[in-house]
Amino acid sequence: MGDVDISTLLNDDGYRLMSAGESPVPGDTVVWGNLIDVEHVGLIVDTEDLLGLNLTLPVVLSQWGPGPEYLHLIGDSPFEEEPVYYTERP
């Protein structure tokens, strides 16, 4: 498939980097790594309140390698980089 320029794809689709104070919601995109060296990309499909403490974590749909797609909490992934979020919302 070759190299994919994630920044071009996101910019062409009208996405912007979310600020630290914004919470991701379903429909937002999460990227592990930076836009030059992307480790992984996923789609936020839901949020989950941990232990009823009003601390929501994103639920991500992503494919790990050639295997199936997985639904997983943002911290439950094999990727080392900190995730960053992108949104189409204004």
PDB file of N, CA and C in Angstrom:
ATOM      1  N   MET A   1       0.822  -1.196   0.000  1.00  0.00           N
ATOM      2  CA  MET A   1       0.000   0.000   0.000  1.00  0.00           C
ATOM      3  C   MET A   1       0.856   1.246   0.000  1.00  0.00           C
ATOM      4  N   GLY A   2       2.070   1.171   0.537  1.00  0.00           N
ATOM      5  CA  GLY A   2       2.954   2.328   0.526  1.00  0.00           C
ATOM      6  C   GLY A   2       2.699   3.248   1.703  1.00  0.00           C
ATOM      7  N   ASP A   3       3.474   4.318   1.748  1.00  0.00           N
ATOM      8  CA  ASP A   3       3.332   5.281   2.833  1.00  0.00           C
ATOM      9  C   ASP A   3       2.054   6.092   2.664  1.00  0.00           C
ATOM     10  N   VAL A   4       1.389   6.333   3.769  1.00  0.00           N
ATOM     11  CA  VAL A   4       0.178   7.138   3.769  1.00  0.00           C
ATOM     12  C   VAL A   4       0.457   8.396   4.570  1.00  0.00           C
ATOM     13  N   ASP A   5       0.174   9.553   3.990  1.00  0.00           N
ATOM     14  CA  ASP A   5       0.366  10.819   4.672  1.00  0.00           C
ATOM     15  C   ASP A   5      -0.911  11.128   5.451  1.00  0.00           C
ATOM     16  N   ILE A   6      -0.917  10.757   6.730  1.00  0.00           N
ATOM     17  CA  ILE A   6      -2.115  10.915   7.563  1.00  0.00           C
ATOM     18  C   ILE A   6      -2.515  12.384   7.670  1.00  0.00           C
ATOM     19  N   SER A   7      -1.541  13.286   7.768  1.00  0.00           N
ATOM     20  CA  SER A   7      -1.880  14.710   7.897  1.00  0.00           C
ATOM     21  C   SER A   7      -2.661  15.200   6.684  1.00  0.00           C
ATOM     22  N   THR A   8      -2.290  14.753   5.497  1.00  0.00           N
ATOM     23  CA  THR A   8      -3.019  15.151   4.285  1.00  0.00           C
ATOM     24  C   THR A   8      -4.434  14.594   4.310  1.00  0.00           C
ATOM     25  N   LEU A   9      -4.572  13.320   4.692  1.00  0.00           N
ATOM     26  CA  LEU A   9      -5.907  12.716   4.766  1.00  0.00           C
ATOM     27  C   LEU A   9      -6.798  13.467   5.754  1.00  0.00           C
ATOM     28  N   LEU A  10      -6.274  13.745   6.947  1.00  0.00           N
ATOM     29  CA  LEU A  10      -7.068  14.437   7.964  1.00  0.00           C
ATOM     30  C   LEU A  10      -7.405  15.867   7.533  1.00  0.00           C
ATOM     31  N   ASN A  11      -6.425  16.584   6.998  1.00  0.00           N
ATOM     32  CA  ASN A  11      -6.673  17.958   6.544  1.00  0.00           C
ATOM     33  C   ASN A  11      -7.686  17.995   5.414  1.00  0.00           C
ATOM     34  N   ASP A  12      -7.547  17.086   4.449  1.00  0.00           N
ATOM     35  CA  ASP A  12      -8.488  17.046   3.328  1.00  0.00           C
ATOM     36  C   ASP A  12      -9.913  16.777   3.794  1.00  0.00           C
ATOM     37  N   ASP A  13     -10.063  16.022   4.879  1.00  0.00           N
ATOM     38  CA  ASP A  13     -11.388  15.702   5.406  1.00  0.00           C
ATOM     39  C   ASP A  13     -11.878  16.718   6.435  1.00  0.00           C
ATOM     40  N   GLY A  14     -11.117  17.793   6.660  1.00  0.00           N
ATOM     41  CA  GLY A  14     -11.565  18.861   7.550  1.00  0.00           C
ATOM     42  C   GLY A  14     -11.333  18.597   9.025  1.00  0.00           C
ATOM     43  N   TYR A  15     -10.424  17.697   9.356  1.00  0.00           N
ATOM     44  CA  TYR A  15     -10.129  17.422  10.759  1.00  0.00           C
ATOM     45  C   TYR A  15      -9.147  18.435  11.312  1.00  0.00           C
ATOM     46  N   ARG A  16      -9.210  18.626  12.629  1.00  0.00           N
ATOM     47  CA  ARG A  16      -8.255  19.477  13.335  1.00  0.00           C
ATOM     48  C   ARG A  16      -7.797  18.744  14.591  1.00  0.00           C
ATOM     49  N   LEU A  17      -6.605  19.083  15.039  1.00  0.00           N
ATOM     50  CA  LEU A  17      -6.074  18.523  16.268  1.00  0.00           C
ATOM     51  C   LEU A  17      -6.877  19.080  17.436  1.00  0.00           C
ATOM     52  N   MET A  18      -7.301  18.216  18.343  1.00  0.00           N
ATOM     53  CA  MET A  18      -8.081  18.661  19.498  1.00  0.00           C
ATOM     54  C   MET A  18      -7.147  19.217  20.563  1.00  0.00           C
ATOM     55  N   SER A  19      -7.613  20.228  21.276  1.00  0.00           N
ATOM     56  CA  SER A  19      -6.818  20.817  22.353  1.00  0.00           C
ATOM     57  C   SER A  19      -6.888  19.925  23.589  1.00  0.00           C
ATOM     58  N   ALA A  20      -5.990  20.146  24.521  1.00  0.00           N
ATOM     59  CA  ALA A  20      -5.897  19.308  25.725  1.00  0.00           C
ATOM     60  C   ALA A  20      -7.186  19.337  26.548  1.00  0.00           C
ATOM     61  N   GLY A  21      -7.949  20.421  26.508  1.00  0.00           N
ATOM     62  CA  GLY A  21      -9.163  20.534  27.304  1.00  0.00           C
ATOM     63  C   GLY A  21     -10.388  19.898  26.682  1.00  0.00           C
ATOM     64  N   GLU A  22     -10.294  19.437  25.448  1.00  0.00           N
ATOM     65  CA  GLU A  22     -11.436  18.845  24.767  1.00  0.00           C
ATOM     66  C   GLU A  22     -11.491  17.340  25.009  1.00  0.00           C
ATOM     67  N   SER A  23     -12.693  16.822  25.138  1.00  0.00           N
ATOM     68  CA  SER A  23     -12.890  15.381  25.305  1.00  0.00           C
ATOM     69  C   SER A  23     -13.341  14.773  23.987  1.00  0.00           C
ATOM     70  N   PRO A  24     -12.733  13.661  23.586  1.00  0.00           N
ATOM     71  CA  PRO A  24     -13.168  13.020  22.348  1.00  0.00           C
ATOM     72  C   PRO A  24     -14.558  12.417  22.497  1.00  0.00           C
ATOM     73  N   VAL A  25     -15.289  12.425  21.408  1.00  0.00           N
ATOM     74  CA  VAL A  25     -16.636  11.868  21.350  1.00  0.00           C
ATOM     75  C   VAL A  25     -16.716  10.931  20.148  1.00  0.00           C
ATOM     76  N   PRO A  26     -17.760  10.096  20.090  1.00  0.00           N
ATOM     77  CA  PRO A  26     -17.905   9.218  18.928  1.00  0.00           C
ATOM     78  C   PRO A  26     -17.826  10.000  17.617  1.00  0.00           C
ATOM     79  N   GLY A  27     -17.076   9.440  16.684  1.00  0.00           N
ATOM     80  CA  GLY A  27     -16.844  10.077  15.391  1.00  0.00           C
ATOM     81  C   GLY A  27     -15.471  10.718  15.287  1.00  0.00           C
ATOM     82  N   ASP A  28     -14.829  10.978  16.433  1.00  0.00           N
ATOM     83  CA  ASP A  28     -13.483  11.544  16.410  1.00  0.00           C
ATOM     84  C   ASP A  28     -12.472  10.451  16.079  1.00  0.00           C
ATOM     85  N   THR A  29     -11.288  10.864  15.674  1.00  0.00           N
ATOM     86  CA  THR A  29     -10.216   9.947  15.294  1.00  0.00           C
ATOM     87  C   THR A  29      -9.096  10.036  16.307  1.00  0.00           C
ATOM     88  N   VAL A  30      -8.482   8.909  16.608  1.00  0.00           N
ATOM     89  CA  VAL A  30      -7.337   8.868  17.513  1.00  0.00           C
ATOM     90  C   VAL A  30      -6.136   8.344  16.737  1.00  0.00           C
ATOM     91  N   VAL A  31      -4.986   8.995  16.962  1.00  0.00           N
ATOM     92  CA  VAL A  31      -3.740   8.617  16.291  1.00  0.00           C
ATOM     93  C   VAL A  31      -2.687   8.365  17.355  1.00  0.00           C
ATOM     94  N   TRP A  32      -2.037   7.214  17.287  1.00  0.00           N
ATOM     95  CA  TRP A  32      -0.893   6.939  18.141  1.00  0.00           C
ATOM     96  C   TRP A  32       0.347   7.244  17.306  1.00  0.00           C
ATOM     97  N   GLY A  33       1.231   8.077  17.830  1.00  0.00           N
ATOM     98  CA  GLY A  33       2.404   8.514  17.086  1.00  0.00           C
ATOM     99  C   GLY A  33       2.174   9.922  16.595  1.00  0.00           C
ATOM    100  N   ASN A  34       3.078  10.421  15.794  1.00  0.00           N
ATOM    101  CA  ASN A  34       2.886  11.756  15.230  1.00  0.00           C
ATOM    102  C   ASN A  34       2.499  11.607  13.762  1.00  0.00           C
ATOM    103  N   LEU A  35       2.187  12.717  13.128  1.00  0.00           N
ATOM    104  CA  LEU A  35       1.667  12.638  11.763  1.00  0.00           C
ATOM    105  C   LEU A  35       2.704  12.183  10.748  1.00  0.00           C
ATOM    106  N   ILE A  36       3.971  12.199  11.128  1.00  0.00           N
ATOM    107  CA  ILE A  36       5.018  11.731  10.222  1.00  0.00           C
ATOM    108  C   ILE A  36       5.281  10.244  10.439  1.00  0.00           C
ATOM    109  N   ASP A  37       5.255   9.823  11.684  1.00  0.00           N
ATOM    110  CA  ASP A  37       5.540   8.425  12.031  1.00  0.00           C
ATOM    111  C   ASP A  37       4.348   7.859  12.797  1.00  0.00           C
ATOM    112  N   VAL A  38       3.291   7.507  12.089  1.00  0.00           N
ATOM    113  CA  VAL A  38       2.059   7.017  12.697  1.00  0.00           C
ATOM    114  C   VAL A  38       2.213   5.549  13.067  1.00  0.00           C
ATOM    115  N   GLU A  39       1.902   5.252  14.314  1.00  0.00           N
ATOM    116  CA  GLU A  39       1.963   3.877  14.787  1.00  0.00           C
ATOM    117  C   GLU A  39       0.614   3.168  14.577  1.00  0.00           C
ATOM    118  N   HIS A  40      -0.500   3.932  14.765  1.00  0.00           N
ATOM    119  CA  HIS A  40      -1.818   3.318  14.685  1.00  0.00           C
ATOM    120  C   HIS A  40      -2.881   4.408  14.617  1.00  0.00           C
ATOM    121  N   VAL A  41      -4.034   4.084  14.014  1.00  0.00           N
ATOM    122  CA  VAL A  41      -5.171   5.004  13.909  1.00  0.00           C
ATOM    123  C   VAL A  41      -6.436   4.233  14.274  1.00  0.00           C
ATOM    124  N   GLY A  42      -7.348   4.900  14.994  1.00  0.00           N
ATOM    125  CA  GLY A  42      -8.613   4.276  15.353  1.00  0.00           C
ATOM    126  C   GLY A  42      -9.747   5.286  15.336  1.00  0.00           C
ATOM    127  N   LEU A  43     -10.957   4.795  15.452  1.00  0.00           N
ATOM    128  CA  LEU A  43     -12.163   5.620  15.460  1.00  0.00           C
ATOM    129  C   LEU A  43     -12.815   5.532  16.833  1.00  0.00           C
ATOM    130  N   ILE A  44     -13.125   6.670  17.434  1.00  0.00           N
ATOM    131  CA  ILE A  44     -13.857   6.695  18.700  1.00  0.00           C
ATOM    132  C   ILE A  44     -15.306   6.352  18.383  1.00  0.00           C
ATOM    133  N   VAL A  45     -15.821   5.291  19.018  1.00  0.00           N
ATOM    134  CA  VAL A  45     -17.191   4.858  18.744  1.00  0.00           C
ATOM    135  C   VAL A  45     -18.115   5.014  19.946  1.00  0.00           C
ATOM    136  N   ASP A  46     -17.531   5.244  21.125  1.00  0.00           N
ATOM    137  CA  ASP A  46     -18.333   5.366  22.338  1.00  0.00           C
ATOM    138  C   ASP A  46     -17.430   5.914  23.439  1.00  0.00           C
ATOM    139  N   THR A  47     -18.037   6.202  24.592  1.00  0.00           N
ATOM    140  CA  THR A  47     -17.268   6.532  25.792  1.00  0.00           C
ATOM    141  C   THR A  47     -17.817   5.687  26.927  1.00  0.00           C
ATOM    142  N   GLU A  48     -16.967   5.381  27.884  1.00  0.00           N
ATOM    143  CA  GLU A  48     -17.378   4.536  29.001  1.00  0.00           C
ATOM    144  C   GLU A  48     -17.002   5.220  30.304  1.00  0.00           C
ATOM    145  N   ASP A  49     -17.956   5.288  31.221  1.00  0.00           N
ATOM    146  CA  ASP A  49     -17.727   5.869  32.541  1.00  0.00           C
ATOM    147  C   ASP A  49     -17.129   4.794  33.441  1.00  0.00           C
ATOM    148  N   LEU A  50     -15.911   5.023  33.869  1.00  0.00           N
ATOM    149  CA  LEU A  50     -15.237   4.042  34.713  1.00  0.00           C
ATOM    150  C   LEU A  50     -15.743   4.103  36.141  1.00  0.00           C
ATOM    151  N   LEU A  51     -16.225   3.007  36.623  1.00  0.00           N
ATOM    152  CA  LEU A  51     -16.640   2.835  38.020  1.00  0.00           C
ATOM    153  C   LEU A  51     -17.667   3.861  38.490  1.00  0.00           C
ATOM    154  N   GLY A  52     -18.400   4.467  37.568  1.00  0.00           N
ATOM    155  CA  GLY A  52     -19.405   5.448  37.939  1.00  0.00           C
ATOM    156  C   GLY A  52     -18.834   6.716  38.533  1.00  0.00           C
ATOM    157  N   LEU A  53     -17.578   7.005  38.229  1.00  0.00           N
ATOM    158  CA  LEU A  53     -16.906   8.180  38.795  1.00  0.00           C
ATOM    159  C   LEU A  53     -16.962   9.403  37.890  1.00  0.00           C
ATOM    160  N   ASN A  54     -17.734   9.309  36.808  1.00  0.00           N
ATOM    161  CA  ASN A  54     -17.845  10.394  35.847  1.00  0.00           C
ATOM    162  C   ASN A  54     -16.500  10.699  35.187  1.00  0.00           C
ATOM    163  N   LEU A  55     -15.670   9.676  35.071  1.00  0.00           N
ATOM    164  CA  LEU A  55     -14.392   9.760  34.362  1.00  0.00           C
ATOM    165  C   LEU A  55     -14.524   8.922  33.100  1.00  0.00           C
ATOM    166  N   THR A  56     -14.831   9.562  32.001  1.00  0.00           N
ATOM    167  CA  THR A  56     -15.098   8.800  30.790  1.00  0.00           C
ATOM    168  C   THR A  56     -13.825   8.536  30.005  1.00  0.00           C
ATOM    169  N   LEU A  57     -13.744   7.337  29.474  1.00  0.00           N
ATOM    170  CA  LEU A  57     -12.655   6.942  28.591  1.00  0.00           C
ATOM    171  C   LEU A  57     -13.233   6.618  27.226  1.00  0.00           C
ATOM    172  N   PRO A  58     -12.523   6.992  26.167  1.00  0.00           N
ATOM    173  CA  PRO A  58     -12.987   6.654  24.830  1.00  0.00           C
ATOM    174  C   PRO A  58     -12.920   5.145  24.571  1.00  0.00           C
ATOM    175  N   VAL A  59     -13.907   4.663  23.835  1.00  0.00           N
ATOM    176  CA  VAL A  59     -13.906   3.300  23.321  1.00  0.00           C
ATOM    177  C   VAL A  59     -13.548   3.412  21.842  1.00  0.00           C
ATOM    178  N   VAL A  60     -12.527   2.651  21.431  1.00  0.00           N
ATOM    179  CA  VAL A  60     -11.953   2.773  20.096  1.00  0.00           C
ATOM    180  C   VAL A  60     -12.250   1.517  19.273  1.00  0.00           C
ATOM    181  N   LEU A  61     -12.541   1.723  18.000  1.00  0.00           N
ATOM    182  CA  LEU A  61     -12.622   0.633  17.038  1.00  0.00           C
ATOM    183  C   LEU A  61     -11.380   0.741  16.163  1.00  0.00           C
ATOM    184  N   SER A  62     -10.577  -0.318  16.149  1.00  0.00           N
ATOM    185  CA  SER A  62      -9.374  -0.289  15.323  1.00  0.00           C
ATOM    186  C   SER A  62      -8.955  -1.702  14.962  1.00  0.00           C
ATOM    187  N   GLN A  63      -8.117  -1.786  13.963  1.00  0.00           N
ATOM    188  CA  GLN A  63      -7.606  -3.074  13.505  1.00  0.00           C
ATOM    189  C   GLN A  63      -6.129  -3.144  13.856  1.00  0.00           C
ATOM    190  N   TRP A  64      -5.751  -4.195  14.552  1.00  0.00           N
ATOM    191  CA  TRP A  64      -4.362  -4.377  14.961  1.00  0.00           C
ATOM    192  C   TRP A  64      -3.682  -5.299  13.967  1.00  0.00           C
ATOM    193  N   GLY A  65      -2.924  -4.729  13.059  1.00  0.00           N
ATOM    194  CA  GLY A  65      -2.234  -5.533  12.056  1.00  0.00           C
ATOM    195  C   GLY A  65      -3.212  -6.188  11.108  1.00  0.00           C
ATOM    196  N   PRO A  66      -2.883  -7.389  10.629  1.00  0.00           N
ATOM    197  CA  PRO A  66      -3.742  -8.051   9.647  1.00  0.00           C
ATOM    198  C   PRO A  66      -4.937  -8.772  10.281  1.00  0.00           C
ATOM    199  N   GLY A  67      -5.059  -8.717  11.604  1.00  0.00           N
ATOM    200  CA  GLY A  67      -6.136  -9.419  12.287  1.00  0.00           C
ATOM    201  C   GLY A  67      -7.464  -8.692  12.189  1.00  0.00           C
ATOM    202  N   PRO A  68      -8.413  -9.107  13.027  1.00  0.00           N
ATOM    203  CA  PRO A  68      -9.750  -8.494  13.010  1.00  0.00           C
ATOM    204  C   PRO A  68      -9.746  -7.115  13.659  1.00  0.00           C
ATOM    205  N   GLU A  69     -10.865  -6.428  13.546  1.00  0.00           N
ATOM    206  CA  GLU A  69     -11.041  -5.160  14.246  1.00  0.00           C
ATOM    207  C   GLU A  69     -11.390  -5.459  15.706  1.00  0.00           C
ATOM    208  N   TYR A  70     -10.967  -4.553  16.595  1.00  0.00           N
ATOM    209  CA  TYR A  70     -11.237  -4.701  18.025  1.00  0.00           C
ATOM    210  C   TYR A  70     -11.921  -3.464  18.563  1.00  0.00           C
ATOM    211  N   LEU A  71     -12.815  -3.656  19.520  1.00  0.00           N
ATOM    212  CA  LEU A  71     -13.341  -2.574  20.345  1.00  0.00           C
ATOM    213  C   LEU A  71     -12.530  -2.616  21.629  1.00  0.00           C
ATOM    214  N   HIS A  72     -11.922  -1.487  21.995  1.00  0.00           N
ATOM    215  CA  HIS A  72     -11.085  -1.474  23.194  1.00  0.00           C
ATOM    216  C   HIS A  72     -11.083  -0.076  23.811  1.00  0.00           C
ATOM    217  N   LEU A  73     -10.858  -0.025  25.119  1.00  0.00           N
ATOM    218  CA  LEU A  73     -10.680   1.261  25.773  1.00  0.00           C
ATOM    219  C   LEU A  73      -9.379   1.879  25.295  1.00  0.00           C
ATOM    220  N   ILE A  74      -9.291   3.183  25.361  1.00  0.00           N
ATOM    221  CA  ILE A  74      -8.148   3.903  24.818  1.00  0.00           C
ATOM    222  C   ILE A  74      -6.814   3.392  25.369  1.00  0.00           C
ATOM    223  N   GLY A  75      -6.764   3.008  26.638  1.00  0.00           N
ATOM    224  CA  GLY A  75      -5.513   2.547  27.229  1.00  0.00           C
ATOM    225  C   GLY A  75      -5.207   1.083  26.994  1.00  0.00           C
ATOM    226  N   ASP A  76      -6.183   0.357  26.467  1.00  0.00           N
ATOM    227  CA  ASP A  76      -6.001  -1.080  26.231  1.00  0.00           C
ATOM    228  C   ASP A  76      -5.570  -1.326  24.793  1.00  0.00           C
ATOM    229  N   SER A  77      -4.322  -0.994  24.509  1.00  0.00           N
ATOM    230  CA  SER A  77      -3.797  -1.220  23.170  1.00  0.00           C
ATOM    231  C   SER A  77      -2.311  -1.546  23.286  1.00  0.00           C
ATOM    232  N   PRO A  78      -1.763  -2.152  22.266  1.00  0.00           N
ATOM    233  CA  PRO A  78      -0.343  -2.506  22.305  1.00  0.00           C
ATOM    234  C   PRO A  78       0.580  -1.365  21.859  1.00  0.00           C
ATOM    235  N   PHE A  79       0.055  -0.180  21.667  1.00  0.00           N
ATOM    236  CA  PHE A  79       0.836   0.907  21.085  1.00  0.00           C
ATOM    237  C   PHE A  79       1.467   1.766  22.170  1.00  0.00           C
ATOM    238  N   GLU A  80       2.736   2.122  21.976  1.00  0.00           N
ATOM    239  CA  GLU A  80       3.506   2.814  23.000  1.00  0.00           C
ATOM    240  C   GLU A  80       3.298   4.320  23.014  1.00  0.00           C
ATOM    241  N   GLU A  81       3.088   4.923  21.873  1.00  0.00           N
ATOM    242  CA  GLU A  81       2.947   6.376  21.793  1.00  0.00           C
ATOM    243  C   GLU A  81       1.677   6.833  22.507  1.00  0.00           C
ATOM    244  N   GLU A  82       1.712   8.066  23.016  1.00  0.00           N
ATOM    245  CA  GLU A  82       0.510   8.673  23.598  1.00  0.00           C
ATOM    246  C   GLU A  82      -0.470   8.986  22.475  1.00  0.00           C
ATOM    247  N   PRO A  83      -1.740   8.697  22.662  1.00  0.00           N
ATOM    248  CA  PRO A  83      -2.704   9.001  21.608  1.00  0.00           C
ATOM    249  C   PRO A  83      -3.019  10.495  21.544  1.00  0.00           C
ATOM    250  N   VAL A  84      -3.263  10.976  20.342  1.00  0.00           N
ATOM    251  CA  VAL A  84      -3.745  12.342  20.123  1.00  0.00           C
ATOM    252  C   VAL A  84      -5.044  12.236  19.333  1.00  0.00           C
ATOM    253  N   TYR A  85      -5.901  13.220  19.515  1.00  0.00           N
ATOM    254  CA  TYR A  85      -7.248  13.154  18.953  1.00  0.00           C
ATOM    255  C   TYR A  85      -7.457  14.223  17.895  1.00  0.00           C
ATOM    256  N   TYR A  86      -8.247  13.863  16.883  1.00  0.00           N
ATOM    257  CA  TYR A  86      -8.608  14.780  15.804  1.00  0.00           C
ATOM    258  C   TYR A  86     -10.125  14.733  15.651  1.00  0.00           C
ATOM    259  N   THR A  87     -10.686  15.878  15.277  1.00  0.00           N
ATOM    260  CA  THR A  87     -12.141  15.964  15.131  1.00  0.00           C
ATOM    261  C   THR A  87     -12.513  16.789  13.924  1.00  0.00           C
ATOM    262  N   GLU A  88     -13.722  16.549  13.426  1.00  0.00           N
ATOM    263  CA  GLU A  88     -14.304  17.370  12.352  1.00  0.00           C
ATOM    264  C   GLU A  88     -15.168  18.482  12.946  1.00  0.00           C
ATOM    265  N   ARG A  89     -15.408  18.416  14.250  1.00  0.00           N
ATOM    266  CA  ARG A  89     -16.246  19.433  14.894  1.00  0.00           C
ATOM    267  C   ARG A  89     -15.531  20.785  14.874  1.00  0.00           C
ATOM    268  N   PRO A  90     -16.308  21.872  14.789  1.00  0.00           N
ATOM    269  CA  PRO A  90     -15.676  23.210  14.809  1.00  0.00           C
ATOM    270  C   PRO A  90     -14.964  23.512  16.106  1.00  0.00           C
TER     271      PRO A  90
END
